[in-house]
Amino acid sequence: MKQCSIHNSSLRFSRAIYGLMVLVAFFIHNEWLVLTTAVLMIFGVISIKLNIPYQFHALILNRKSISIQKELAELNFVAGMTALLLLIGFLLIYLDKFVNFAWIYLLVVDFLIFLACFAGFCIATLMYVFFKRVFIRK
């Protein structure tokens, strides 16, 4: 698998920014902020260089951080899965279907983002590892 060099603290910072954006969207009930967060995460799937909060932290705030090796596919899967979950919540709100449920759903997704950010426990990473073991057998 293709490895890439990332700054773990910058990755956590970008997850914290995304989590804060969704939390603010929840409190002010702004579905467009949820969509903006999902689109920014999709940019991060395309390339880590398009992940704006990550690049801001890596280039400006965190000059002396040590980079670690991670699988590029894992990072893309996690960002893509989170963006997909946010898009589902956005669509439920935008289409006026189960609006109250959608806001609670987005709050749960936000909790999972913060869990990955602060505790380092990411459900999407566990899903990636599970799918990798199931579908790629030696």
C-alpha atoms as a PDB file:
ATOM      1  CA  MET A   1       0.000   0.000   0.000  1.00  0.00           C
ATOM      2  CA  LYS A   2       1.126   3.501  -0.758  1.00  0.00           C
ATOM      3  CA  GLN A   3       2.468   5.314   2.295  1.00  0.00           C
ATOM      4  CA  CYS A   4       2.512   9.042   2.835  1.00  0.00           C
ATOM      5  CA  SER A   5       4.207  11.242   5.376  1.00  0.00           C
ATOM      6  CA  ILE A   6       1.816  13.262   7.546  1.00  0.00           C
ATOM      7  CA  HIS A   7       1.970  15.386  10.662  1.00  0.00           C
ATOM      8  CA  ASN A   8      -0.255  13.710  13.252  1.00  0.00           C
ATOM      9  CA  SER A   9      -0.829  16.942  15.174  1.00  0.00           C
ATOM     10  CA  SER A  10      -1.896  18.708  11.973  1.00  0.00           C
ATOM     11  CA  LEU A  11      -4.282  15.859  11.168  1.00  0.00           C
ATOM     12  CA  ARG A  12      -5.825  16.151  14.626  1.00  0.00           C
ATOM     13  CA  PHE A  13      -6.053  19.924  14.196  1.00  0.00           C
ATOM     14  CA  SER A  14      -7.933  19.549  10.905  1.00  0.00           C
ATOM     15  CA  ARG A  15     -10.328  17.062  12.501  1.00  0.00           C
ATOM     16  CA  ALA A  16     -10.898  19.499  15.366  1.00  0.00           C
ATOM     17  CA  ILE A  17     -11.689  22.294  12.906  1.00  0.00           C
ATOM     18  CA  TYR A  18     -14.149  20.069  11.028  1.00  0.00           C
ATOM     19  CA  GLY A  19     -15.723  19.027  14.319  1.00  0.00           C
ATOM     20  CA  LEU A  20     -16.075  22.647  15.410  1.00  0.00           C
ATOM     21  CA  MET A  21     -17.652  23.573  12.082  1.00  0.00           C
ATOM     22  CA  VAL A  22     -20.283  20.850  12.458  1.00  0.00           C
ATOM     23  CA  LEU A  23     -20.881  21.790  16.107  1.00  0.00           C
ATOM     24  CA  VAL A  24     -21.419  25.435  15.171  1.00  0.00           C
ATOM     25  CA  ALA A  25     -23.722  24.309  12.355  1.00  0.00           C
ATOM     26  CA  PHE A  26     -25.712  22.278  14.882  1.00  0.00           C
ATOM     27  CA  PHE A  27     -26.098  25.168  17.303  1.00  0.00           C
ATOM     28  CA  ILE A  28     -27.154  27.692  14.663  1.00  0.00           C
ATOM     29  CA  HIS A  29     -29.037  25.101  12.551  1.00  0.00           C
ATOM     30  CA  ASN A  30     -27.153  25.970   9.375  1.00  0.00           C
ATOM     31  CA  GLU A  31     -27.164  23.055   6.941  1.00  0.00           C
ATOM     32  CA  TRP A  32     -24.938  24.985   4.513  1.00  0.00           C
ATOM     33  CA  LEU A  33     -22.098  24.931   7.024  1.00  0.00           C
ATOM     34  CA  VAL A  34     -22.484  21.142   7.162  1.00  0.00           C
ATOM     35  CA  LEU A  35     -22.245  21.032   3.367  1.00  0.00           C
ATOM     36  CA  THR A  36     -19.178  23.290   3.431  1.00  0.00           C
ATOM     37  CA  THR A  37     -17.501  20.984   5.944  1.00  0.00           C
ATOM     38  CA  ALA A  38     -18.276  17.924   3.820  1.00  0.00           C
ATOM     39  CA  VAL A  39     -16.901  19.604   0.678  1.00  0.00           C
ATOM     40  CA  LEU A  40     -13.703  20.601   2.493  1.00  0.00           C
ATOM     41  CA  MET A  41     -13.294  17.005   3.626  1.00  0.00           C
ATOM     42  CA  ILE A  42     -13.823  15.768   0.071  1.00  0.00           C
ATOM     43  CA  PHE A  43     -11.034  18.108  -1.045  1.00  0.00           C
ATOM     44  CA  GLY A  44      -8.857  16.339   1.532  1.00  0.00           C
ATOM     45  CA  VAL A  45      -9.734  12.992  -0.078  1.00  0.00           C
ATOM     46  CA  ILE A  46      -8.589  14.266  -3.457  1.00  0.00           C
ATOM     47  CA  SER A  47      -5.219  15.348  -2.056  1.00  0.00           C
ATOM     48  CA  ILE A  48      -3.770  16.092   1.367  1.00  0.00           C
ATOM     49  CA  LYS A  49      -2.515  19.337  -0.171  1.00  0.00           C
ATOM     50  CA  LEU A  50      -6.143  20.449  -0.590  1.00  0.00           C
ATOM     51  CA  ASN A  51      -6.948  19.834   3.077  1.00  0.00           C
ATOM     52  CA  ILE A  52      -6.970  23.508   4.087  1.00  0.00           C
ATOM     53  CA  PRO A  53      -6.947  23.184   7.921  1.00  0.00           C
ATOM     54  CA  TYR A  54      -4.220  20.521   7.726  1.00  0.00           C
ATOM     55  CA  GLN A  55      -2.048  22.664   5.470  1.00  0.00           C
ATOM     56  CA  PHE A  56      -2.614  25.758   7.619  1.00  0.00           C
ATOM     57  CA  HIS A  57      -1.481  23.910  10.745  1.00  0.00           C
ATOM     58  CA  ALA A  58       1.406  22.101   9.055  1.00  0.00           C
ATOM     59  CA  LEU A  59       2.807  25.191   7.349  1.00  0.00           C
ATOM     60  CA  ILE A  60       2.081  27.984   9.842  1.00  0.00           C
ATOM     61  CA  LEU A  61       1.410  26.696  13.328  1.00  0.00           C
ATOM     62  CA  ASN A  62       3.434  23.498  13.484  1.00  0.00           C
ATOM     63  CA  ARG A  63       6.898  23.947  12.033  1.00  0.00           C
ATOM     64  CA  LYS A  64       8.758  21.494  14.280  1.00  0.00           C
ATOM     65  CA  SER A  65       6.414  18.514  14.196  1.00  0.00           C
ATOM     66  CA  ILE A  66       7.720  15.066  13.367  1.00  0.00           C
ATOM     67  CA  SER A  67       5.972  13.399  10.464  1.00  0.00           C
ATOM     68  CA  ILE A  68       4.774   9.800  10.575  1.00  0.00           C
ATOM     69  CA  GLN A  69       4.031   7.277   7.841  1.00  0.00           C
ATOM     70  CA  LYS A  70       0.402   6.347   7.211  1.00  0.00           C
ATOM     71  CA  GLU A  71      -1.385   4.589   4.401  1.00  0.00           C
ATOM     72  CA  LEU A  72      -2.815   7.068   1.942  1.00  0.00           C
ATOM     73  CA  ALA A  73      -5.821   4.805   1.362  1.00  0.00           C
ATOM     74  CA  GLU A  74      -6.631   4.839   5.086  1.00  0.00           C
ATOM     75  CA  LEU A  75      -6.580   8.630   5.249  1.00  0.00           C
ATOM     76  CA  ASN A  76      -8.726   8.886   2.123  1.00  0.00           C
ATOM     77  CA  PHE A  77     -11.209   6.306   3.416  1.00  0.00           C
ATOM     78  CA  VAL A  78     -11.598   8.072   6.765  1.00  0.00           C
ATOM     79  CA  ALA A  79     -12.095  11.502   5.205  1.00  0.00           C
ATOM     80  CA  GLY A  80     -14.411  10.127   2.539  1.00  0.00           C
ATOM     81  CA  MET A  81     -16.531   8.177   5.014  1.00  0.00           C
ATOM     82  CA  THR A  82     -16.871  11.184   7.302  1.00  0.00           C
ATOM     83  CA  ALA A  83     -17.778  13.432   4.376  1.00  0.00           C
ATOM     84  CA  LEU A  84     -20.364  10.888   3.221  1.00  0.00           C
ATOM     85  CA  LEU A  85     -21.949  10.795   6.691  1.00  0.00           C
ATOM     86  CA  LEU A  86     -22.103  14.590   6.733  1.00  0.00           C
ATOM     87  CA  LEU A  87     -23.616  14.666   3.246  1.00  0.00           C
ATOM     88  CA  ILE A  88     -26.330  12.234   4.336  1.00  0.00           C
ATOM     89  CA  GLY A  89     -27.198  14.526   7.244  1.00  0.00           C
ATOM     90  CA  PHE A  90     -27.195  17.555   4.959  1.00  0.00           C
ATOM     91  CA  LEU A  91     -29.492  15.864   2.442  1.00  0.00           C
ATOM     92  CA  LEU A  92     -31.958  14.821   5.145  1.00  0.00           C
ATOM     93  CA  ILE A  93     -32.163  18.426   6.315  1.00  0.00           C
ATOM     94  CA  TYR A  94     -32.182  19.980   2.844  1.00  0.00           C
ATOM     95  CA  LEU A  95     -34.916  17.652   1.590  1.00  0.00           C
ATOM     96  CA  ASP A  96     -36.926  18.357   4.749  1.00  0.00           C
ATOM     97  CA  LYS A  97     -37.038  14.684   5.747  1.00  0.00           C
ATOM     98  CA  PHE A  98     -36.595  13.779   9.398  1.00  0.00           C
ATOM     99  CA  VAL A  99     -35.020  17.166  10.197  1.00  0.00           C
ATOM    100  CA  ASN A 100     -34.842  16.683  13.972  1.00  0.00           C
ATOM    101  CA  PHE A 101     -33.408  13.197  13.523  1.00  0.00           C
ATOM    102  CA  ALA A 102     -30.863  14.594  11.033  1.00  0.00           C
ATOM    103  CA  TRP A 103     -29.592  17.194  13.505  1.00  0.00           C
ATOM    104  CA  ILE A 104     -29.219  14.534  16.209  1.00  0.00           C
ATOM    105  CA  TYR A 105     -27.498  12.283  13.662  1.00  0.00           C
ATOM    106  CA  LEU A 106     -25.074  15.097  12.798  1.00  0.00           C
ATOM    107  CA  LEU A 107     -24.382  15.617  16.496  1.00  0.00           C
ATOM    108  CA  VAL A 108     -23.466  11.915  16.816  1.00  0.00           C
ATOM    109  CA  VAL A 109     -21.206  12.175  13.754  1.00  0.00           C
ATOM    110  CA  ASP A 110     -19.641  15.254  15.326  1.00  0.00           C
ATOM    111  CA  PHE A 111     -19.025  13.304  18.524  1.00  0.00           C
ATOM    112  CA  LEU A 112     -17.228  10.639  16.473  1.00  0.00           C
ATOM    113  CA  ILE A 113     -15.103  13.322  14.781  1.00  0.00           C
ATOM    114  CA  PHE A 114     -14.102  14.710  18.180  1.00  0.00           C
ATOM    115  CA  LEU A 115     -13.440  11.184  19.462  1.00  0.00           C
ATOM    116  CA  ALA A 116     -11.016  10.628  16.582  1.00  0.00           C
ATOM    117  CA  CYS A 117      -9.462  14.034  17.180  1.00  0.00           C
ATOM    118  CA  PHE A 118      -8.923  14.017  20.923  1.00  0.00           C
ATOM    119  CA  ALA A 119      -8.873  10.332  21.915  1.00  0.00           C
ATOM    120  CA  GLY A 120      -7.296   9.001  18.729  1.00  0.00           C
ATOM    121  CA  PHE A 121     -10.071   6.391  18.391  1.00  0.00           C
ATOM    122  CA  CYS A 122     -11.519   6.497  14.880  1.00  0.00           C
ATOM    123  CA  ILE A 123     -14.406   4.229  13.904  1.00  0.00           C
ATOM    124  CA  ALA A 124     -13.716   4.767  10.185  1.00  0.00           C
ATOM    125  CA  THR A 125     -10.127   3.566  10.664  1.00  0.00           C
ATOM    126  CA  LEU A 126     -11.430   0.409  12.315  1.00  0.00           C
ATOM    127  CA  MET A 127     -13.798  -0.093   9.384  1.00  0.00           C
ATOM    128  CA  TYR A 128     -10.885   0.376   6.967  1.00  0.00           C
ATOM    129  CA  VAL A 129      -8.777  -2.220   8.792  1.00  0.00           C
ATOM    130  CA  PHE A 130     -11.708  -4.647   8.846  1.00  0.00           C
ATOM    131  CA  PHE A 131     -12.438  -4.210   5.123  1.00  0.00           C
ATOM    132  CA  LYS A 132      -8.747  -4.507   4.312  1.00  0.00           C
ATOM    133  CA  ARG A 133      -8.472  -7.820   6.172  1.00  0.00           C
ATOM    134  CA  VAL A 134     -11.661  -9.191   4.658  1.00  0.00           C
ATOM    135  CA  PHE A 135     -11.078  -8.204   1.036  1.00  0.00           C
ATOM    136  CA  ILE A 136      -7.288  -8.457   0.788  1.00  0.00           C
ATOM    137  CA  ARG A 137      -6.164 -11.927   1.739  1.00  0.00           C
ATOM    138  CA  LYS A 138      -2.691 -13.214   1.137  1.00  0.00           C
END
